[in-house]
Amino acid sequence: MGETREMALKGRKVIVTGGAGFVGSHLSEALVDIGADVICLDDLSAGKMGNITHLSDRPNFHFVKLDVCDSGPRMDELFKGTDTVFHNAASKKNICLINPQRDLDVNAAGALNLVQKSVAHGVRKFVHASTGSVYGEPRIFPTNETHPFEPVSYYGVSKLAGERYVDVFHKLHGLDTTILRYFHVYGPRQESNEFGGVVSIFLRRITAGLNPIVFGDGEQVRSFTWVRDLVAANLASAVNPRATGEAYNVASGIRVSVNELARGMLDILDPEGRLQVEHGPPLLGDIMNFDVDSRKIREHLGIGFETEFWKTLTIALSDVQAFLGDISGPQQAKAVS
């Protein structure tokens, strides 16, 4: 097999913000394996050292505890000689309901700080992780990148502001940027507390012998995307000139309702039927339907997506501790007793 285009990152200094988080840790791992000199930057407000422990002895991996809003000399020192920035740090959607000011600071001002540093230090490429929440409640199906921006949550507003800063720095300063809009990512190391993803939240409750709680009527449809597909999209965006100045939906096309997810996970993890789905009040700003068009990134960058959701999920759930980011060793999933 010949070398892939992504091997061009070998030996280059790269920064992964949010590198100890769910997506960031997988991206950091892939970059270390390529041979890039990886600076994993995380303030550990959501990221966990357990997600990157397996990388700690790799000579081309370096962890730095730092907030993306820090504009001081330490950040400048990190940016010196940096080739590529993968900006995955974010204030998550549920946090915005508790502290919308922090949400704005991280998602908007943090992005502004990083593109400013990138221009000041001659960074070659800036890959920015955004979200489908910038579209708000979709009105056009399937939803492509031309859909109007009508966010219905603080999170969607702050992430859209971050996108706009990135795009303006591309247009005004010539910074080579790509924006990736994520949709309902699932996979190992997904955060399982109240700020995490629905798959891991359900997994944590079911394996603890608790009923999964579905907010609202559960008919909300989600477009689940395997985490390693996001890694591939990040790497391709960093090295393919076709991605310059573009924004892409990064979504598999899998469509599963929250009710279907809860019932399916109970079938896998609680086959004897001891648990059942509970319903709670609807979440403020929760979007009801996703049907995402990802043809643009498929055509531009040749990205493929995992579409066997239940097969992939069943295999991933066979090691509960790895899925939840626990590091004490493998534990086979089994029926709740």
C-alpha atoms as a PDB file:
ATOM      1  CA  MET A   1       0.000   0.000   0.000  1.00  0.00           C
ATOM      2  CA  GLY A   2       1.375   3.427  -0.934  1.00  0.00           C
ATOM      3  CA  GLU A   3       1.645   6.350   1.409  1.00  0.00           C
ATOM      4  CA  THR A   4      -1.555   8.273   2.040  1.00  0.00           C
ATOM      5  CA  ARG A   5      -1.771  12.015   1.567  1.00  0.00           C
ATOM      6  CA  GLU A   6      -2.118  12.371   5.358  1.00  0.00           C
ATOM      7  CA  MET A   7       1.459  11.116   5.782  1.00  0.00           C
ATOM      8  CA  ALA A   8       2.490  14.644   4.751  1.00  0.00           C
ATOM      9  CA  LEU A   9       1.859  15.543   8.415  1.00  0.00           C
ATOM     10  CA  LYS A  10       4.724  13.303   9.536  1.00  0.00           C
ATOM     11  CA  GLY A  11       7.340  15.354  11.350  1.00  0.00           C
ATOM     12  CA  ARG A  12       5.189  18.480  11.426  1.00  0.00           C
ATOM     13  CA  LYS A  13       4.246  20.254  14.645  1.00  0.00           C
ATOM     14  CA  VAL A  14       0.488  20.182  15.193  1.00  0.00           C
ATOM     15  CA  ILE A  15      -1.752  21.435  17.985  1.00  0.00           C
ATOM     16  CA  VAL A  16      -4.925  19.558  18.919  1.00  0.00           C
ATOM     17  CA  THR A  17      -7.104  21.669  21.209  1.00  0.00           C
ATOM     18  CA  GLY A  18      -9.428  19.613  23.367  1.00  0.00           C
ATOM     19  CA  GLY A  19      -6.909  16.843  22.765  1.00  0.00           C
ATOM     20  CA  ALA A  20      -7.783  14.976  25.971  1.00  0.00           C
ATOM     21  CA  GLY A  21     -11.465  14.932  25.083  1.00  0.00           C
ATOM     22  CA  PHE A  22     -13.518  12.399  23.190  1.00  0.00           C
ATOM     23  CA  VAL A  23     -12.832  13.313  19.552  1.00  0.00           C
ATOM     24  CA  GLY A  24      -9.561  15.086  20.331  1.00  0.00           C
ATOM     25  CA  SER A  25      -7.972  12.035  21.931  1.00  0.00           C
ATOM     26  CA  HIS A  26      -8.740   9.888  18.888  1.00  0.00           C
ATOM     27  CA  LEU A  27      -7.343  12.585  16.605  1.00  0.00           C
ATOM     28  CA  SER A  28      -4.223  12.954  18.756  1.00  0.00           C
ATOM     29  CA  GLU A  29      -3.709   9.187  18.619  1.00  0.00           C
ATOM     30  CA  ALA A  30      -3.981   9.109  14.818  1.00  0.00           C
ATOM     31  CA  LEU A  31      -1.542  12.018  14.447  1.00  0.00           C
ATOM     32  CA  VAL A  32       0.977  10.398  16.799  1.00  0.00           C
ATOM     33  CA  ASP A  33       0.773   7.209  14.732  1.00  0.00           C
ATOM     34  CA  ILE A  34       1.390   9.207  11.544  1.00  0.00           C
ATOM     35  CA  GLY A  35       4.515  10.656  13.139  1.00  0.00           C
ATOM     36  CA  ALA A  36       3.428  14.250  13.664  1.00  0.00           C
ATOM     37  CA  ASP A  37       4.832  16.160  16.637  1.00  0.00           C
ATOM     38  CA  VAL A  38       1.602  16.485  18.615  1.00  0.00           C
ATOM     39  CA  ILE A  39       0.836  19.190  21.168  1.00  0.00           C
ATOM     40  CA  CYS A  40      -2.290  18.035  23.009  1.00  0.00           C
ATOM     41  CA  LEU A  41      -3.780  21.187  24.536  1.00  0.00           C
ATOM     42  CA  ASP A  42      -6.610  20.829  27.055  1.00  0.00           C
ATOM     43  CA  ASP A  43      -7.697  22.587  30.246  1.00  0.00           C
ATOM     44  CA  LEU A  44      -9.273  19.310  31.500  1.00  0.00           C
ATOM     45  CA  SER A  45     -12.624  20.967  32.170  1.00  0.00           C
ATOM     46  CA  ALA A  46     -14.151  18.174  30.087  1.00  0.00           C
ATOM     47  CA  GLY A  47     -11.177  16.183  28.815  1.00  0.00           C
ATOM     48  CA  LYS A  48      -9.631  13.400  30.889  1.00  0.00           C
ATOM     49  CA  MET A  49      -6.041  12.300  31.322  1.00  0.00           C
ATOM     50  CA  GLY A  50      -7.298   8.725  31.097  1.00  0.00           C
ATOM     51  CA  ASN A  51      -8.129   9.342  27.435  1.00  0.00           C
ATOM     52  CA  ILE A  52      -4.472   9.981  26.582  1.00  0.00           C
ATOM     53  CA  THR A  53      -2.563   7.877  29.125  1.00  0.00           C
ATOM     54  CA  HIS A  54      -1.704   5.354  26.407  1.00  0.00           C
ATOM     55  CA  LEU A  55       0.074   8.135  24.474  1.00  0.00           C
ATOM     56  CA  SER A  56       2.139   9.506  27.346  1.00  0.00           C
ATOM     57  CA  ASP A  57       5.267   7.483  26.564  1.00  0.00           C
ATOM     58  CA  ARG A  58       5.285   8.333  22.862  1.00  0.00           C
ATOM     59  CA  PRO A  59       8.176  10.735  22.167  1.00  0.00           C
ATOM     60  CA  ASN A  60       6.139  12.787  19.674  1.00  0.00           C
ATOM     61  CA  PHE A  61       3.238  13.406  22.082  1.00  0.00           C
ATOM     62  CA  HIS A  62       3.194  16.342  24.515  1.00  0.00           C
ATOM     63  CA  PHE A  63       0.342  17.303  26.825  1.00  0.00           C
ATOM     64  CA  VAL A  64      -0.119  20.947  27.827  1.00  0.00           C
ATOM     65  CA  LYS A  65      -2.791  22.038  30.287  1.00  0.00           C
ATOM     66  CA  LEU A  66      -4.057  25.380  28.977  1.00  0.00           C
ATOM     67  CA  ASP A  67      -7.351  27.166  28.292  1.00  0.00           C
ATOM     68  CA  VAL A  68      -7.981  28.076  24.634  1.00  0.00           C
ATOM     69  CA  CYS A  69      -8.944  31.561  25.834  1.00  0.00           C
ATOM     70  CA  ASP A  70      -5.418  32.140  27.188  1.00  0.00           C
ATOM     71  CA  SER A  71      -3.795  34.774  24.985  1.00  0.00           C
ATOM     72  CA  GLY A  72      -0.583  35.092  26.983  1.00  0.00           C
ATOM     73  CA  PRO A  73       3.052  34.263  26.217  1.00  0.00           C
ATOM     74  CA  ARG A  74       2.646  30.567  26.955  1.00  0.00           C
ATOM     75  CA  MET A  75       0.197  30.233  24.069  1.00  0.00           C
ATOM     76  CA  ASP A  76       2.533  32.208  21.811  1.00  0.00           C
ATOM     77  CA  GLU A  77       5.374  29.840  22.688  1.00  0.00           C
ATOM     78  CA  LEU A  78       3.255  26.828  21.760  1.00  0.00           C
ATOM     79  CA  PHE A  79       2.305  28.329  18.403  1.00  0.00           C
ATOM     80  CA  LYS A  80       5.884  28.968  17.322  1.00  0.00           C
ATOM     81  CA  GLY A  81       6.739  26.624  14.472  1.00  0.00           C
ATOM     82  CA  THR A  82       3.251  25.095  14.371  1.00  0.00           C
ATOM     83  CA  ASP A  83       2.162  23.775  10.988  1.00  0.00           C
ATOM     84  CA  THR A  84      -1.456  22.799  11.670  1.00  0.00           C
ATOM     85  CA  VAL A  85      -4.059  23.517  14.337  1.00  0.00           C
ATOM     86  CA  PHE A  86      -6.975  21.123  14.882  1.00  0.00           C
ATOM     87  CA  HIS A  87      -9.396  23.098  17.041  1.00  0.00           C
ATOM     88  CA  ASN A  88     -11.650  20.602  18.827  1.00  0.00           C
ATOM     89  CA  ALA A  89     -11.992  22.262  22.234  1.00  0.00           C
ATOM     90  CA  ALA A  90     -15.544  23.407  22.928  1.00  0.00           C
ATOM     91  CA  SER A  91     -18.032  24.230  25.610  1.00  0.00           C
ATOM     92  CA  LYS A  92     -20.612  21.497  25.152  1.00  0.00           C
ATOM     93  CA  LYS A  93     -24.297  22.025  24.442  1.00  0.00           C
ATOM     94  CA  ASN A  94     -25.611  21.187  27.922  1.00  0.00           C
ATOM     95  CA  ILE A  95     -23.094  23.512  29.576  1.00  0.00           C
ATOM     96  CA  CYS A  96     -24.521  26.482  27.684  1.00  0.00           C
ATOM     97  CA  LEU A  97     -27.781  26.168  29.607  1.00  0.00           C
ATOM     98  CA  ILE A  98     -25.927  26.476  32.906  1.00  0.00           C
ATOM     99  CA  ASN A  99     -23.346  29.088  31.960  1.00  0.00           C
ATOM    100  CA  PRO A 100     -24.007  30.820  28.628  1.00  0.00           C
ATOM    101  CA  GLN A 101     -21.200  33.311  29.279  1.00  0.00           C
ATOM    102  CA  ARG A 102     -18.600  30.553  29.552  1.00  0.00           C
ATOM    103  CA  ASP A 103     -20.122  28.959  26.468  1.00  0.00           C
ATOM    104  CA  LEU A 104     -19.589  32.215  24.554  1.00  0.00           C
ATOM    105  CA  ASP A 105     -16.071  32.689  25.913  1.00  0.00           C
ATOM    106  CA  VAL A 106     -14.866  29.248  24.847  1.00  0.00           C
ATOM    107  CA  ASN A 107     -16.709  28.729  21.572  1.00  0.00           C
ATOM    108  CA  ALA A 108     -16.429  32.259  20.167  1.00  0.00           C
ATOM    109  CA  ALA A 109     -13.628  34.124  21.936  1.00  0.00           C
ATOM    110  CA  GLY A 110     -11.532  30.958  22.141  1.00  0.00           C
ATOM    111  CA  ALA A 111     -11.781  30.457  18.386  1.00  0.00           C
ATOM    112  CA  LEU A 112     -10.914  34.122  17.815  1.00  0.00           C
ATOM    113  CA  ASN A 113      -7.869  33.816  20.061  1.00  0.00           C
ATOM    114  CA  LEU A 114      -6.605  30.763  18.184  1.00  0.00           C
ATOM    115  CA  VAL A 115      -7.006  32.177  14.671  1.00  0.00           C
ATOM    116  CA  GLN A 116      -5.257  35.352  15.818  1.00  0.00           C
ATOM    117  CA  LYS A 117      -2.337  33.284  17.119  1.00  0.00           C
ATOM    118  CA  SER A 118      -2.345  31.249  13.911  1.00  0.00           C
ATOM    119  CA  VAL A 119      -1.976  34.333  11.726  1.00  0.00           C
ATOM    120  CA  ALA A 120       0.632  35.882  14.031  1.00  0.00           C
ATOM    121  CA  HIS A 121       2.797  32.751  13.952  1.00  0.00           C
ATOM    122  CA  GLY A 122       2.365  31.718  10.318  1.00  0.00           C
ATOM    123  CA  VAL A 123       0.332  28.550  10.869  1.00  0.00           C
ATOM    124  CA  ARG A 124      -0.215  26.768   7.555  1.00  0.00           C
ATOM    125  CA  LYS A 125      -3.613  25.201   8.244  1.00  0.00           C
ATOM    126  CA  PHE A 126      -6.482  25.679  10.725  1.00  0.00           C
ATOM    127  CA  VAL A 127      -9.135  22.941  10.937  1.00  0.00           C
ATOM    128  CA  HIS A 128     -12.105  24.054  13.015  1.00  0.00           C
ATOM    129  CA  ALA A 129     -14.621  21.677  14.619  1.00  0.00           C
ATOM    130  CA  SER A 130     -18.136  23.075  14.575  1.00  0.00           C
ATOM    131  CA  THR A 131     -21.609  21.565  14.876  1.00  0.00           C
ATOM    132  CA  GLY A 132     -24.841  21.001  13.007  1.00  0.00           C
ATOM    133  CA  SER A 133     -26.490  23.100  15.714  1.00  0.00           C
ATOM    134  CA  VAL A 134     -25.551  26.210  13.715  1.00  0.00           C
ATOM    135  CA  TYR A 135     -28.480  25.397  11.382  1.00  0.00           C
ATOM    136  CA  GLY A 136     -31.035  25.308  14.184  1.00  0.00           C
ATOM    137  CA  GLU A 137     -34.217  23.331  13.568  1.00  0.00           C
ATOM    138  CA  PRO A 138     -33.718  22.188   9.969  1.00  0.00           C
ATOM    139  CA  ARG A 139     -36.300  23.318   7.414  1.00  0.00           C
ATOM    140  CA  ILE A 140     -34.674  21.766   4.341  1.00  0.00           C
ATOM    141  CA  PHE A 141     -34.119  17.997   4.057  1.00  0.00           C
ATOM    142  CA  PRO A 142     -31.637  16.601   3.556  1.00  0.00           C
ATOM    143  CA  THR A 143     -29.753  19.511   5.102  1.00  0.00           C
ATOM    144  CA  ASN A 144     -26.679  20.613   3.171  1.00  0.00           C
ATOM    145  CA  GLU A 145     -24.124  23.345   3.831  1.00  0.00           C
ATOM    146  CA  THR A 146     -26.243  26.049   2.171  1.00  0.00           C
ATOM    147  CA  HIS A 147     -29.000  25.758   4.795  1.00  0.00           C
ATOM    148  CA  PRO A 148     -29.682  29.102   6.544  1.00  0.00           C
ATOM    149  CA  PHE A 149     -28.094  29.622   9.950  1.00  0.00           C
ATOM    150  CA  GLU A 150     -30.915  29.797  12.512  1.00  0.00           C
ATOM    151  CA  PRO A 151     -29.537  28.394  15.793  1.00  0.00           C
ATOM    152  CA  VAL A 152     -32.072  27.766  18.550  1.00  0.00           C
ATOM    153  CA  SER A 153     -29.626  27.266  21.436  1.00  0.00           C
ATOM    154  CA  TYR A 154     -26.915  29.354  23.082  1.00  0.00           C
ATOM    155  CA  TYR A 155     -24.505  26.646  21.984  1.00  0.00           C
ATOM    156  CA  GLY A 156     -25.529  26.978  18.352  1.00  0.00           C
ATOM    157  CA  VAL A 157     -25.117  30.750  18.536  1.00  0.00           C
ATOM    158  CA  SER A 158     -21.658  30.601  20.112  1.00  0.00           C
ATOM    159  CA  LYS A 159     -20.425  27.918  17.705  1.00  0.00           C
ATOM    160  CA  LEU A 160     -21.717  29.941  14.759  1.00  0.00           C
ATOM    161  CA  ALA A 161     -19.825  32.960  16.068  1.00  0.00           C
ATOM    162  CA  GLY A 162     -16.668  30.830  16.212  1.00  0.00           C
ATOM    163  CA  GLU A 163     -17.253  29.719  12.618  1.00  0.00           C
ATOM    164  CA  ARG A 164     -17.648  33.304  11.454  1.00  0.00           C
ATOM    165  CA  TYR A 165     -14.353  34.343  13.051  1.00  0.00           C
ATOM    166  CA  VAL A 166     -12.602  31.449  11.331  1.00  0.00           C
ATOM    167  CA  ASP A 167     -14.140  32.311   7.964  1.00  0.00           C
ATOM    168  CA  VAL A 168     -13.316  36.015   8.292  1.00  0.00           C
ATOM    169  CA  PHE A 169      -9.680  35.233   9.081  1.00  0.00           C
ATOM    170  CA  HIS A 170      -9.564  33.104   5.945  1.00  0.00           C
ATOM    171  CA  LYS A 171     -10.982  35.931   3.823  1.00  0.00           C
ATOM    172  CA  LEU A 172      -9.151  38.874   5.397  1.00  0.00           C
ATOM    173  CA  HIS A 173      -5.814  37.329   6.342  1.00  0.00           C
ATOM    174  CA  GLY A 174      -5.466  34.374   3.956  1.00  0.00           C
ATOM    175  CA  LEU A 175      -5.411  31.781   6.732  1.00  0.00           C
ATOM    176  CA  ASP A 176      -6.026  28.338   5.204  1.00  0.00           C
ATOM    177  CA  THR A 177      -9.101  27.135   7.083  1.00  0.00           C
ATOM    178  CA  THR A 178     -11.631  24.320   6.943  1.00  0.00           C
ATOM    179  CA  ILE A 179     -14.797  24.097   9.055  1.00  0.00           C
ATOM    180  CA  LEU A 180     -16.169  20.661   9.971  1.00  0.00           C
ATOM    181  CA  ARG A 181     -19.715  20.439  11.322  1.00  0.00           C
ATOM    182  CA  TYR A 182     -20.086  17.390  13.567  1.00  0.00           C
ATOM    183  CA  PHE A 183     -23.330  15.469  14.177  1.00  0.00           C
ATOM    184  CA  HIS A 184     -23.950  13.146  17.156  1.00  0.00           C
ATOM    185  CA  VAL A 185     -20.612  11.435  17.327  1.00  0.00           C
ATOM    186  CA  TYR A 186     -20.357   8.045  19.046  1.00  0.00           C
ATOM    187  CA  GLY A 187     -17.484   5.754  19.952  1.00  0.00           C
ATOM    188  CA  PRO A 188     -15.013   4.838  22.712  1.00  0.00           C
ATOM    189  CA  ARG A 189     -14.106   7.517  25.311  1.00  0.00           C
ATOM    190  CA  GLN A 190     -17.334   9.434  24.854  1.00  0.00           C
ATOM    191  CA  GLU A 191     -18.120  11.537  27.940  1.00  0.00           C
ATOM    192  CA  SER A 192     -20.904   9.862  29.929  1.00  0.00           C
ATOM    193  CA  ASN A 193     -21.815  12.485  32.516  1.00  0.00           C
ATOM    194  CA  GLU A 194     -24.736  14.878  32.001  1.00  0.00           C
ATOM    195  CA  PHE A 195     -22.634  16.887  29.526  1.00  0.00           C
ATOM    196  CA  GLY A 196     -21.775  13.915  27.344  1.00  0.00           C
ATOM    197  CA  GLY A 197     -23.320  12.129  24.377  1.00  0.00           C
ATOM    198  CA  VAL A 198     -26.582  10.241  24.573  1.00  0.00           C
ATOM    199  CA  VAL A 199     -25.024   6.849  23.709  1.00  0.00           C
ATOM    200  CA  SER A 200     -22.555   6.943  26.580  1.00  0.00           C
ATOM    201  CA  ILE A 201     -25.081   8.442  29.015  1.00  0.00           C
ATOM    202  CA  PHE A 202     -27.451   5.547  28.307  1.00  0.00           C
ATOM    203  CA  LEU A 203     -24.558   3.079  28.592  1.00  0.00           C
ATOM    204  CA  ARG A 204     -23.472   4.423  31.991  1.00  0.00           C
ATOM    205  CA  ARG A 205     -27.005   4.205  33.391  1.00  0.00           C
ATOM    206  CA  ILE A 206     -27.858   0.780  31.964  1.00  0.00           C
ATOM    207  CA  THR A 207     -24.652  -0.867  33.181  1.00  0.00           C
ATOM    208  CA  ALA A 208     -25.302   0.660  36.609  1.00  0.00           C
ATOM    209  CA  GLY A 209     -28.741  -0.984  36.663  1.00  0.00           C
ATOM    210  CA  LEU A 210     -30.643   2.261  36.060  1.00  0.00           C
ATOM    211  CA  ASN A 211     -33.315   3.012  33.499  1.00  0.00           C
ATOM    212  CA  PRO A 212     -32.203   5.181  30.549  1.00  0.00           C
ATOM    213  CA  ILE A 213     -33.961   8.556  30.658  1.00  0.00           C
ATOM    214  CA  VAL A 214     -35.282   9.992  27.393  1.00  0.00           C
ATOM    215  CA  PHE A 215     -36.086  13.701  27.444  1.00  0.00           C
ATOM    216  CA  GLY A 216     -39.324  14.637  25.705  1.00  0.00           C
ATOM    217  CA  ASP A 217     -41.282  12.100  23.691  1.00  0.00           C
ATOM    218  CA  GLY A 218     -38.114  10.468  22.325  1.00  0.00           C
ATOM    219  CA  GLU A 219     -39.081  10.859  18.693  1.00  0.00           C
ATOM    220  CA  GLN A 220     -36.137  13.228  18.138  1.00  0.00           C
ATOM    221  CA  VAL A 221     -34.094  11.832  15.242  1.00  0.00           C
ATOM    222  CA  ARG A 222     -30.306  11.903  15.461  1.00  0.00           C
ATOM    223  CA  SER A 223     -27.656  11.438  12.759  1.00  0.00           C
ATOM    224  CA  PHE A 224     -25.004   9.299  14.456  1.00  0.00           C
ATOM    225  CA  THR A 225     -21.422   9.378  13.178  1.00  0.00           C
ATOM    226  CA  TRP A 226     -18.572   7.033  14.130  1.00  0.00           C
ATOM    227  CA  VAL A 227     -15.718   8.908  15.806  1.00  0.00           C
ATOM    228  CA  ARG A 228     -13.018   7.519  13.527  1.00  0.00           C
ATOM    229  CA  ASP A 229     -14.827   8.997  10.521  1.00  0.00           C
ATOM    230  CA  LEU A 230     -14.372  12.425  12.111  1.00  0.00           C
ATOM    231  CA  VAL A 231     -10.671  11.710  12.538  1.00  0.00           C
ATOM    232  CA  ALA A 232     -10.421  10.871   8.836  1.00  0.00           C
ATOM    233  CA  ALA A 233     -12.243  14.097   7.945  1.00  0.00           C
ATOM    234  CA  ASN A 234      -9.858  16.164  10.080  1.00  0.00           C
ATOM    235  CA  LEU A 235      -6.764  14.597   8.550  1.00  0.00           C
ATOM    236  CA  ALA A 236      -8.035  14.911   4.988  1.00  0.00           C
ATOM    237  CA  SER A 237      -8.991  18.549   5.549  1.00  0.00           C
ATOM    238  CA  ALA A 238      -5.481  19.313   6.788  1.00  0.00           C
ATOM    239  CA  VAL A 239      -3.694  18.084   3.675  1.00  0.00           C
ATOM    240  CA  ASN A 240      -6.109  18.386   0.746  1.00  0.00           C
ATOM    241  CA  PRO A 241      -6.018  21.805  -0.984  1.00  0.00           C
ATOM    242  CA  ARG A 242      -9.641  21.260  -2.066  1.00  0.00           C
ATOM    243  CA  ALA A 243     -10.680  21.877   1.539  1.00  0.00           C
ATOM    244  CA  THR A 244      -9.302  25.417   1.709  1.00  0.00           C
ATOM    245  CA  GLY A 245     -11.971  27.873   2.837  1.00  0.00           C
ATOM    246  CA  GLU A 246     -14.682  25.218   2.834  1.00  0.00           C
ATOM    247  CA  ALA A 247     -17.267  24.141   5.412  1.00  0.00           C
ATOM    248  CA  TYR A 248     -18.427  20.532   5.477  1.00  0.00           C
ATOM    249  CA  ASN A 249     -21.151  18.491   7.121  1.00  0.00           C
ATOM    250  CA  VAL A 250     -19.478  15.430   8.650  1.00  0.00           C
ATOM    251  CA  ALA A 251     -22.329  12.979   9.095  1.00  0.00           C
ATOM    252  CA  SER A 252     -22.881   9.348   8.193  1.00  0.00           C
ATOM    253  CA  GLY A 253     -26.510   9.601   7.142  1.00  0.00           C
ATOM    254  CA  ILE A 254     -27.529   7.129   9.868  1.00  0.00           C
ATOM    255  CA  ARG A 255     -30.878   8.232  11.307  1.00  0.00           C
ATOM    256  CA  VAL A 256     -32.040   6.796  14.642  1.00  0.00           C
ATOM    257  CA  SER A 257     -34.624   8.191  17.045  1.00  0.00           C
ATOM    258  CA  VAL A 258     -33.721   8.561  20.711  1.00  0.00           C
ATOM    259  CA  ASN A 259     -36.428   6.039  21.559  1.00  0.00           C
ATOM    260  CA  GLU A 260     -34.956   3.522  19.090  1.00  0.00           C
ATOM    261  CA  LEU A 261     -31.509   4.091  20.560  1.00  0.00           C
ATOM    262  CA  ALA A 262     -32.684   3.535  24.137  1.00  0.00           C
ATOM    263  CA  ARG A 263     -34.650   0.393  23.259  1.00  0.00           C
ATOM    264  CA  GLY A 264     -31.822  -0.974  21.106  1.00  0.00           C
ATOM    265  CA  MET A 265     -29.241  -0.472  23.838  1.00  0.00           C
ATOM    266  CA  LEU A 266     -31.528  -2.185  26.343  1.00  0.00           C
ATOM    267  CA  ASP A 267     -31.817  -5.139  23.945  1.00  0.00           C
ATOM    268  CA  ILE A 268     -28.002  -5.375  23.809  1.00  0.00           C
ATOM    269  CA  LEU A 269     -27.182  -4.750  27.467  1.00  0.00           C
ATOM    270  CA  ASP A 270     -30.317  -5.901  29.312  1.00  0.00           C
ATOM    271  CA  PRO A 271     -31.691  -8.840  27.314  1.00  0.00           C
ATOM    272  CA  GLU A 272     -33.687 -10.110  30.291  1.00  0.00           C
ATOM    273  CA  GLY A 273     -35.740  -6.921  30.309  1.00  0.00           C
ATOM    274  CA  ARG A 274     -35.164  -5.765  33.882  1.00  0.00           C
ATOM    275  CA  LEU A 275     -34.954  -2.119  32.837  1.00  0.00           C
ATOM    276  CA  GLN A 276     -37.225   0.137  30.829  1.00  0.00           C
ATOM    277  CA  VAL A 277     -37.158   3.533  29.163  1.00  0.00           C
ATOM    278  CA  GLU A 278     -38.113   6.484  31.369  1.00  0.00           C
ATOM    279  CA  HIS A 279     -39.171   9.871  30.035  1.00  0.00           C
ATOM    280  CA  GLY A 280     -38.206  13.285  31.390  1.00  0.00           C
ATOM    281  CA  PRO A 281     -39.142  16.849  30.416  1.00  0.00           C
ATOM    282  CA  PRO A 282     -37.988  18.136  27.007  1.00  0.00           C
ATOM    283  CA  LEU A 283     -34.611  19.915  26.865  1.00  0.00           C
ATOM    284  CA  LEU A 284     -34.581  23.600  25.983  1.00  0.00           C
ATOM    285  CA  GLY A 285     -33.358  24.109  22.411  1.00  0.00           C
ATOM    286  CA  ASP A 286     -33.446  20.390  21.565  1.00  0.00           C
ATOM    287  CA  ILE A 287     -33.727  19.856  17.796  1.00  0.00           C
ATOM    288  CA  MET A 288     -36.306  17.297  16.669  1.00  0.00           C
ATOM    289  CA  ASN A 289     -35.052  16.065  13.325  1.00  0.00           C
ATOM    290  CA  PHE A 290     -31.770  15.581  11.516  1.00  0.00           C
ATOM    291  CA  ASP A 291     -31.387  14.361   7.940  1.00  0.00           C
ATOM    292  CA  VAL A 292     -27.928  15.476   6.901  1.00  0.00           C
ATOM    293  CA  ASP A 293     -26.468  15.729   3.402  1.00  0.00           C
ATOM    294  CA  SER A 294     -22.731  14.963   3.456  1.00  0.00           C
ATOM    295  CA  ARG A 295     -22.205  14.630  -0.295  1.00  0.00           C
ATOM    296  CA  LYS A 296     -19.908  17.652  -0.369  1.00  0.00           C
ATOM    297  CA  ILE A 297     -17.191  16.143   1.846  1.00  0.00           C
ATOM    298  CA  ARG A 298     -17.563  12.774   0.132  1.00  0.00           C
ATOM    299  CA  GLU A 299     -17.002  14.375  -3.272  1.00  0.00           C
ATOM    300  CA  HIS A 300     -14.316  16.898  -2.270  1.00  0.00           C
ATOM    301  CA  LEU A 301     -12.220  14.765   0.073  1.00  0.00           C
ATOM    302  CA  GLY A 302     -13.283  11.186  -0.634  1.00  0.00           C
ATOM    303  CA  ILE A 303     -14.488  10.626   2.925  1.00  0.00           C
ATOM    304  CA  GLY A 304     -16.543   7.490   3.517  1.00  0.00           C
ATOM    305  CA  PHE A 305     -18.690   6.795   6.548  1.00  0.00           C
ATOM    306  CA  GLU A 306     -19.486   3.836   8.743  1.00  0.00           C
ATOM    307  CA  THR A 307     -23.166   3.062   8.119  1.00  0.00           C
ATOM    308  CA  GLU A 308     -23.594  -0.185  10.081  1.00  0.00           C
ATOM    309  CA  PHE A 309     -24.677   1.612  13.257  1.00  0.00           C
ATOM    310  CA  TRP A 310     -25.973  -1.303  15.325  1.00  0.00           C
ATOM    311  CA  LYS A 311     -23.171  -3.640  14.282  1.00  0.00           C
ATOM    312  CA  THR A 312     -20.508  -1.050  15.144  1.00  0.00           C
ATOM    313  CA  LEU A 313     -22.229  -0.053  18.360  1.00  0.00           C
ATOM    314  CA  THR A 314     -22.647  -3.656  19.529  1.00  0.00           C
ATOM    315  CA  ILE A 315     -18.944  -4.355  18.999  1.00  0.00           C
ATOM    316  CA  ALA A 316     -17.951  -1.092  20.702  1.00  0.00           C
ATOM    317  CA  LEU A 317     -20.217  -1.781  23.680  1.00  0.00           C
ATOM    318  CA  SER A 318     -18.552  -5.156  24.273  1.00  0.00           C
ATOM    319  CA  ASP A 319     -15.864  -3.278  26.223  1.00  0.00           C
ATOM    320  CA  VAL A 320     -17.789  -0.929  28.492  1.00  0.00           C
ATOM    321  CA  GLN A 321     -14.776   0.560  30.234  1.00  0.00           C
ATOM    322  CA  ALA A 322     -13.019   1.427  26.977  1.00  0.00           C
ATOM    323  CA  PHE A 323     -16.180   3.027  25.626  1.00  0.00           C
ATOM    324  CA  LEU A 324     -16.592   5.160  28.738  1.00  0.00           C
ATOM    325  CA  GLY A 325     -12.920   6.092  28.853  1.00  0.00           C
ATOM    326  CA  ASP A 326     -12.142   4.079  31.993  1.00  0.00           C
ATOM    327  CA  ILE A 327      -8.551   2.823  32.081  1.00  0.00           C
ATOM    328  CA  SER A 328      -8.605   0.066  34.670  1.00  0.00           C
ATOM    329  CA  GLY A 329      -8.883  -2.650  32.041  1.00  0.00           C
ATOM    330  CA  PRO A 330     -11.421  -4.327  29.758  1.00  0.00           C
ATOM    331  CA  GLN A 331     -14.798  -5.315  31.058  1.00  0.00           C
ATOM    332  CA  GLN A 332     -17.220  -7.297  28.934  1.00  0.00           C
ATOM    333  CA  ALA A 333     -20.710  -5.888  28.693  1.00  0.00           C
ATOM    334  CA  LYS A 334     -23.299  -8.216  30.170  1.00  0.00           C
ATOM    335  CA  ALA A 335     -26.921  -8.237  31.108  1.00  0.00           C
ATOM    336  CA  VAL A 336     -27.869  -6.116  34.084  1.00  0.00           C
ATOM    337  CA  SER A 337     -28.317  -8.240  37.204  1.00  0.00           C
END
